Amino acid sequence: MKKRIVIFASGSGTNAENIIKYFQRTQFAEVVRVLSNKKDAKVLERAEKLKVKADSFTKEELFSKEGTLKVLKEIKPDIIVLAGFLLKFPEIILNEFPNKVINIHPALLPKYGGKGMYGSFVHEAVVKNKEAETGITIHYVDENYDEGAIISQKKVTLSEKETPETVAEKIHKLEHEWFPKIIEEVLRDG
């Protein structure tokens, strides 16, 4: 039986789309649902085009035992993947799915992590501090922003001429290449 993946996302969903397509080419696992805290998020449209059920929820539903948690218990995912999900993930879900929730961060944690450090804010900080390298961190989610155990990090070298936009491009390439592969590794090891 295929492993079951649920993706949480808040935005356009390029990572979610990439993950869905990756697992549609395998017999090992499949994305069975995409969930978003924004009812107009582009990720919902991307998922539906790829024939994956997609729903939105309110913040109240996310933190309620009768809301998102109930939906997840019905789905019984083998892994929950945060792909550009910007809300703090609720402890009631983490407690129900221990070591089953992973996230991707667009920097080499513990650098440039924590509340407010996402997307372009991370890339701007990396450029401002003239970092020689950056990368992605795939990690387990715990009750604190970006502090869960690190699963994998992939690095990219930076030049002095980088802009936040060129850093973002390099990070997106790493994310698209590695995130689905690491998800598969975690599922196989679990």
C-alpha atoms as a PDB file:
ATOM      1  CA  MET A   1       0.000   0.000   0.000  1.00  0.00           C
ATOM      2  CA  LYS A   2       1.274   3.457  -0.904  1.00  0.00           C
ATOM      3  CA  LYS A   3       2.495   5.750   1.843  1.00  0.00           C
ATOM      4  CA  ARG A   4       0.179   8.717   2.387  1.00  0.00           C
ATOM      5  CA  ILE A   5       1.429  12.318   2.319  1.00  0.00           C
ATOM      6  CA  VAL A   6      -0.477  15.416   3.387  1.00  0.00           C
ATOM      7  CA  ILE A   7       0.944  18.818   2.454  1.00  0.00           C
ATOM      8  CA  PHE A   8       0.260  22.075   4.285  1.00  0.00           C
ATOM      9  CA  ALA A   9       1.023  25.256   2.328  1.00  0.00           C
ATOM     10  CA  SER A  10       0.084  28.934   2.503  1.00  0.00           C
ATOM     11  CA  GLY A  11       1.120  30.378  -0.844  1.00  0.00           C
ATOM     12  CA  SER A  12       1.656  29.698  -4.522  1.00  0.00           C
ATOM     13  CA  GLY A  13       2.591  26.062  -4.018  1.00  0.00           C
ATOM     14  CA  THR A  14       5.507  25.439  -6.376  1.00  0.00           C
ATOM     15  CA  ASN A  15       7.102  23.090  -3.839  1.00  0.00           C
ATOM     16  CA  ALA A  16       3.785  21.311  -3.259  1.00  0.00           C
ATOM     17  CA  GLU A  17       3.288  20.901  -7.015  1.00  0.00           C
ATOM     18  CA  ASN A  18       6.822  19.538  -7.385  1.00  0.00           C
ATOM     19  CA  ILE A  19       6.264  17.030  -4.562  1.00  0.00           C
ATOM     20  CA  ILE A  20       2.921  15.889  -6.016  1.00  0.00           C
ATOM     21  CA  LYS A  21       4.457  15.341  -9.464  1.00  0.00           C
ATOM     22  CA  TYR A  22       7.468  13.518  -7.998  1.00  0.00           C
ATOM     23  CA  PHE A  23       5.302  10.996  -6.156  1.00  0.00           C
ATOM     24  CA  GLN A  24       2.867  10.610  -9.061  1.00  0.00           C
ATOM     25  CA  ARG A  25       5.811   8.992 -10.879  1.00  0.00           C
ATOM     26  CA  THR A  26       6.294   6.386  -8.133  1.00  0.00           C
ATOM     27  CA  GLN A  27       4.403   3.433  -6.707  1.00  0.00           C
ATOM     28  CA  PHE A  28       5.822   4.115  -3.247  1.00  0.00           C
ATOM     29  CA  ALA A  29       3.832   7.107  -1.975  1.00  0.00           C
ATOM     30  CA  GLU A  30       1.245   9.671  -2.985  1.00  0.00           C
ATOM     31  CA  VAL A  31       0.053  13.074  -1.904  1.00  0.00           C
ATOM     32  CA  VAL A  32      -3.510  12.440  -0.753  1.00  0.00           C
ATOM     33  CA  ARG A  33      -4.447  15.950   0.393  1.00  0.00           C
ATOM     34  CA  VAL A  34      -3.248  19.544   0.284  1.00  0.00           C
ATOM     35  CA  LEU A  35      -4.419  21.853   3.062  1.00  0.00           C
ATOM     36  CA  SER A  36      -4.045  25.619   3.276  1.00  0.00           C
ATOM     37  CA  ASN A  37      -4.860  28.319   5.774  1.00  0.00           C
ATOM     38  CA  LYS A  38      -5.742  30.638   2.883  1.00  0.00           C
ATOM     39  CA  LYS A  39      -8.865  29.864   0.868  1.00  0.00           C
ATOM     40  CA  ASP A  40      -7.501  31.757  -2.161  1.00  0.00           C
ATOM     41  CA  ALA A  41      -3.996  30.251  -2.070  1.00  0.00           C
ATOM     42  CA  LYS A  42      -2.720  29.270  -5.508  1.00  0.00           C
ATOM     43  CA  VAL A  43      -1.507  25.941  -4.042  1.00  0.00           C
ATOM     44  CA  LEU A  44      -5.147  24.737  -3.867  1.00  0.00           C
ATOM     45  CA  GLU A  45      -5.621  25.339  -7.582  1.00  0.00           C
ATOM     46  CA  ARG A  46      -2.297  23.643  -8.424  1.00  0.00           C
ATOM     47  CA  ALA A  47      -3.258  20.562  -6.377  1.00  0.00           C
ATOM     48  CA  GLU A  48      -6.701  20.245  -7.948  1.00  0.00           C
ATOM     49  CA  LYS A  49      -5.196  20.476 -11.460  1.00  0.00           C
ATOM     50  CA  LEU A  50      -3.050  17.483 -10.486  1.00  0.00           C
ATOM     51  CA  LYS A  51      -6.138  15.631  -9.187  1.00  0.00           C
ATOM     52  CA  VAL A  52      -5.213  15.932  -5.505  1.00  0.00           C
ATOM     53  CA  LYS A  53      -7.988  16.884  -3.110  1.00  0.00           C
ATOM     54  CA  ALA A  54      -7.348  20.357  -1.690  1.00  0.00           C
ATOM     55  CA  ASP A  55      -9.087  22.224   1.128  1.00  0.00           C
ATOM     56  CA  SER A  56      -8.650  25.360   3.161  1.00  0.00           C
ATOM     57  CA  PHE A  57      -9.265  25.813   6.857  1.00  0.00           C
ATOM     58  CA  THR A  58      -9.530  28.652   9.341  1.00  0.00           C
ATOM     59  CA  LYS A  59      -7.031  29.342  12.100  1.00  0.00           C
ATOM     60  CA  GLU A  60      -9.697  28.209  14.586  1.00  0.00           C
ATOM     61  CA  GLU A  61     -10.079  24.882  12.747  1.00  0.00           C
ATOM     62  CA  LEU A  62      -6.294  24.404  12.736  1.00  0.00           C
ATOM     63  CA  PHE A  63      -6.126  24.611  16.520  1.00  0.00           C
ATOM     64  CA  SER A  64      -9.362  22.714  17.225  1.00  0.00           C
ATOM     65  CA  LYS A  65      -9.636  19.003  17.993  1.00  0.00           C
ATOM     66  CA  GLU A  66     -12.787  18.935  15.859  1.00  0.00           C
ATOM     67  CA  GLY A  67     -11.174  20.748  12.931  1.00  0.00           C
ATOM     68  CA  THR A  68      -7.963  19.961  11.067  1.00  0.00           C
ATOM     69  CA  LEU A  69      -6.873  17.323  13.587  1.00  0.00           C
ATOM     70  CA  LYS A  70     -10.075  15.365  12.986  1.00  0.00           C
ATOM     71  CA  VAL A  71      -9.503  15.545   9.210  1.00  0.00           C
ATOM     72  CA  LEU A  72      -5.931  14.281   9.617  1.00  0.00           C
ATOM     73  CA  LYS A  73      -7.051  11.387  11.828  1.00  0.00           C
ATOM     74  CA  GLU A  74      -9.464  10.332   9.066  1.00  0.00           C
ATOM     75  CA  ILE A  75      -6.748  10.567   6.384  1.00  0.00           C
ATOM     76  CA  LYS A  76      -4.109   8.742   8.487  1.00  0.00           C
ATOM     77  CA  PRO A  77      -1.044  10.265   6.782  1.00  0.00           C
ATOM     78  CA  ASP A  78       2.333   8.575   7.057  1.00  0.00           C
ATOM     79  CA  ILE A  79       3.928  12.024   6.893  1.00  0.00           C
ATOM     80  CA  ILE A  80       2.783  15.646   7.039  1.00  0.00           C
ATOM     81  CA  VAL A  81       4.883  18.026   4.953  1.00  0.00           C
ATOM     82  CA  LEU A  82       4.980  21.770   5.512  1.00  0.00           C
ATOM     83  CA  ALA A  83       5.858  23.401   2.192  1.00  0.00           C
ATOM     84  CA  GLY A  84       5.685  27.146   2.623  1.00  0.00           C
ATOM     85  CA  PHE A  85       3.245  26.944   5.511  1.00  0.00           C
ATOM     86  CA  LEU A  86       3.591  30.140   7.507  1.00  0.00           C
ATOM     87  CA  LEU A  87       1.568  29.538  10.676  1.00  0.00           C
ATOM     88  CA  LYS A  88       3.051  27.987  13.775  1.00  0.00           C
ATOM     89  CA  PHE A  89       2.060  24.338  13.659  1.00  0.00           C
ATOM     90  CA  PRO A  90      -0.282  23.340  16.505  1.00  0.00           C
ATOM     91  CA  GLU A  91       0.908  21.106  19.319  1.00  0.00           C
ATOM     92  CA  ILE A  92      -2.356  19.127  19.232  1.00  0.00           C
ATOM     93  CA  ILE A  93      -1.379  17.847  15.758  1.00  0.00           C
ATOM     94  CA  LEU A  94       2.296  17.377  16.666  1.00  0.00           C
ATOM     95  CA  ASN A  95       1.271  15.297  19.699  1.00  0.00           C
ATOM     96  CA  GLU A  96      -1.016  13.118  17.583  1.00  0.00           C
ATOM     97  CA  PHE A  97       1.618  12.629  14.850  1.00  0.00           C
ATOM     98  CA  PRO A  98       4.985  12.524  16.670  1.00  0.00           C
ATOM     99  CA  ASN A  99       8.008  12.622  14.327  1.00  0.00           C
ATOM    100  CA  LYS A 100       5.657  12.681  11.347  1.00  0.00           C
ATOM    101  CA  VAL A 101       5.700  16.417  10.565  1.00  0.00           C
ATOM    102  CA  ILE A 102       8.562  17.882   8.535  1.00  0.00           C
ATOM    103  CA  ASN A 103       9.312  21.342   7.197  1.00  0.00           C
ATOM    104  CA  ILE A 104      11.689  22.948   4.749  1.00  0.00           C
ATOM    105  CA  HIS A 105      13.486  26.177   5.621  1.00  0.00           C
ATOM    106  CA  PRO A 106      15.310  28.343   3.029  1.00  0.00           C
ATOM    107  CA  ALA A 107      18.551  28.683   5.017  1.00  0.00           C
ATOM    108  CA  LEU A 108      21.084  26.597   6.895  1.00  0.00           C
ATOM    109  CA  LEU A 109      19.553  26.404  10.356  1.00  0.00           C
ATOM    110  CA  PRO A 110      20.165  27.433  13.049  1.00  0.00           C
ATOM    111  CA  LYS A 111      21.131  30.571  11.078  1.00  0.00           C
ATOM    112  CA  TYR A 112      18.237  32.719   9.854  1.00  0.00           C
ATOM    113  CA  GLY A 113      15.489  30.766  11.577  1.00  0.00           C
ATOM    114  CA  GLY A 114      12.698  31.669  13.937  1.00  0.00           C
ATOM    115  CA  LYS A 115       9.563  33.773  13.855  1.00  0.00           C
ATOM    116  CA  GLY A 116       9.448  36.156  10.902  1.00  0.00           C
ATOM    117  CA  MET A 117      12.302  34.451   9.053  1.00  0.00           C
ATOM    118  CA  TYR A 118      10.741  33.127   5.885  1.00  0.00           C
ATOM    119  CA  GLY A 119      10.961  33.711   2.135  1.00  0.00           C
ATOM    120  CA  SER A 120      12.551  36.970   1.045  1.00  0.00           C
ATOM    121  CA  PHE A 121      13.290  38.004   4.655  1.00  0.00           C
ATOM    122  CA  VAL A 122      15.739  35.111   4.887  1.00  0.00           C
ATOM    123  CA  HIS A 123      17.389  35.870   1.535  1.00  0.00           C
ATOM    124  CA  GLU A 124      17.718  39.577   2.380  1.00  0.00           C
ATOM    125  CA  ALA A 125      19.452  38.707   5.679  1.00  0.00           C
ATOM    126  CA  VAL A 126      21.808  36.250   3.957  1.00  0.00           C
ATOM    127  CA  VAL A 127      22.861  38.899   1.389  1.00  0.00           C
ATOM    128  CA  LYS A 128      23.117  41.676   4.001  1.00  0.00           C
ATOM    129  CA  ASN A 129      25.463  39.532   6.083  1.00  0.00           C
ATOM    130  CA  LYS A 130      27.578  38.657   3.024  1.00  0.00           C
ATOM    131  CA  GLU A 131      27.325  34.909   3.639  1.00  0.00           C
ATOM    132  CA  ALA A 132      29.644  32.733   1.529  1.00  0.00           C
ATOM    133  CA  GLU A 133      27.037  29.979   1.417  1.00  0.00           C
ATOM    134  CA  THR A 134      23.421  29.266   2.187  1.00  0.00           C
ATOM    135  CA  GLY A 135      21.070  26.423   1.496  1.00  0.00           C
ATOM    136  CA  ILE A 136      18.024  24.537   2.677  1.00  0.00           C
ATOM    137  CA  THR A 137      17.263  22.699   5.874  1.00  0.00           C
ATOM    138  CA  ILE A 138      14.688  19.927   6.069  1.00  0.00           C
ATOM    139  CA  HIS A 139      13.778  19.298   9.678  1.00  0.00           C
ATOM    140  CA  TYR A 140      11.210  17.787  11.985  1.00  0.00           C
ATOM    141  CA  VAL A 141       8.687  20.241  13.370  1.00  0.00           C
ATOM    142  CA  ASP A 142       8.420  20.788  17.096  1.00  0.00           C
ATOM    143  CA  GLU A 143       6.639  23.401  19.225  1.00  0.00           C
ATOM    144  CA  ASN A 144       9.193  26.127  18.346  1.00  0.00           C
ATOM    145  CA  TYR A 145       9.852  27.778  14.985  1.00  0.00           C
ATOM    146  CA  ASP A 146      12.723  26.085  13.119  1.00  0.00           C
ATOM    147  CA  GLU A 147      14.139  24.250  16.141  1.00  0.00           C
ATOM    148  CA  GLY A 148      13.186  20.630  15.372  1.00  0.00           C
ATOM    149  CA  ALA A 149      15.826  17.991  14.699  1.00  0.00           C
ATOM    150  CA  ILE A 150      17.588  18.473  11.358  1.00  0.00           C
ATOM    151  CA  ILE A 151      17.037  15.711   8.810  1.00  0.00           C
ATOM    152  CA  SER A 152      19.124  17.099   5.941  1.00  0.00           C
ATOM    153  CA  GLN A 153      20.880  20.242   4.761  1.00  0.00           C
ATOM    154  CA  LYS A 154      21.957  21.054   1.207  1.00  0.00           C
ATOM    155  CA  LYS A 155      24.295  23.962   0.502  1.00  0.00           C
ATOM    156  CA  VAL A 156      24.975  26.378  -2.311  1.00  0.00           C
ATOM    157  CA  THR A 157      27.937  28.758  -2.674  1.00  0.00           C
ATOM    158  CA  LEU A 158      27.264  32.475  -2.967  1.00  0.00           C
ATOM    159  CA  SER A 159      29.262  35.208  -4.681  1.00  0.00           C
ATOM    160  CA  GLU A 160      29.664  38.818  -3.554  1.00  0.00           C
ATOM    161  CA  LYS A 161      27.318  39.888  -6.349  1.00  0.00           C
ATOM    162  CA  GLU A 162      24.259  38.023  -5.057  1.00  0.00           C
ATOM    163  CA  THR A 163      20.923  39.747  -4.595  1.00  0.00           C
ATOM    164  CA  PRO A 164      17.987  38.417  -2.586  1.00  0.00           C
ATOM    165  CA  GLU A 165      16.431  37.444  -5.920  1.00  0.00           C
ATOM    166  CA  THR A 166      19.440  35.420  -7.130  1.00  0.00           C
ATOM    167  CA  VAL A 167      19.682  33.722  -3.736  1.00  0.00           C
ATOM    168  CA  ALA A 168      15.963  32.865  -3.956  1.00  0.00           C
ATOM    169  CA  GLU A 169      16.529  31.267  -7.385  1.00  0.00           C
ATOM    170  CA  LYS A 170      19.353  29.110  -6.049  1.00  0.00           C
ATOM    171  CA  ILE A 171      17.271  28.071  -3.042  1.00  0.00           C
ATOM    172  CA  HIS A 172      14.272  27.149  -5.211  1.00  0.00           C
ATOM    173  CA  LYS A 173      16.492  24.890  -7.322  1.00  0.00           C
ATOM    174  CA  LEU A 174      17.749  23.120  -4.191  1.00  0.00           C
ATOM    175  CA  GLU A 175      14.213  22.789  -2.813  1.00  0.00           C
ATOM    176  CA  HIS A 176      12.841  21.294  -6.015  1.00  0.00           C
ATOM    177  CA  GLU A 177      15.745  18.883  -6.395  1.00  0.00           C
ATOM    178  CA  TRP A 178      15.993  17.686  -2.799  1.00  0.00           C
ATOM    179  CA  PHE A 179      12.715  18.089  -0.897  1.00  0.00           C
ATOM    180  CA  PRO A 180      10.846  15.195  -2.590  1.00  0.00           C
ATOM    181  CA  LYS A 181      13.901  12.921  -2.314  1.00  0.00           C
ATOM    182  CA  ILE A 182      14.297  13.631   1.410  1.00  0.00           C
ATOM    183  CA  ILE A 183      10.566  13.078   1.997  1.00  0.00           C
ATOM    184  CA  GLU A 184      10.925   9.690   0.319  1.00  0.00           C
ATOM    185  CA  GLU A 185      13.997   8.847   2.457  1.00  0.00           C
ATOM    186  CA  VAL A 186      12.131   9.768   5.663  1.00  0.00           C
ATOM    187  CA  LEU A 187       9.180   7.591   4.619  1.00  0.00           C
ATOM    188  CA  ARG A 188      11.433   4.650   3.758  1.00  0.00           C
ATOM    189  CA  ASP A 189      13.343   4.954   7.042  1.00  0.00           C
ATOM    190  CA  GLY A 190      10.169   5.389   9.100  1.00  0.00           C
END
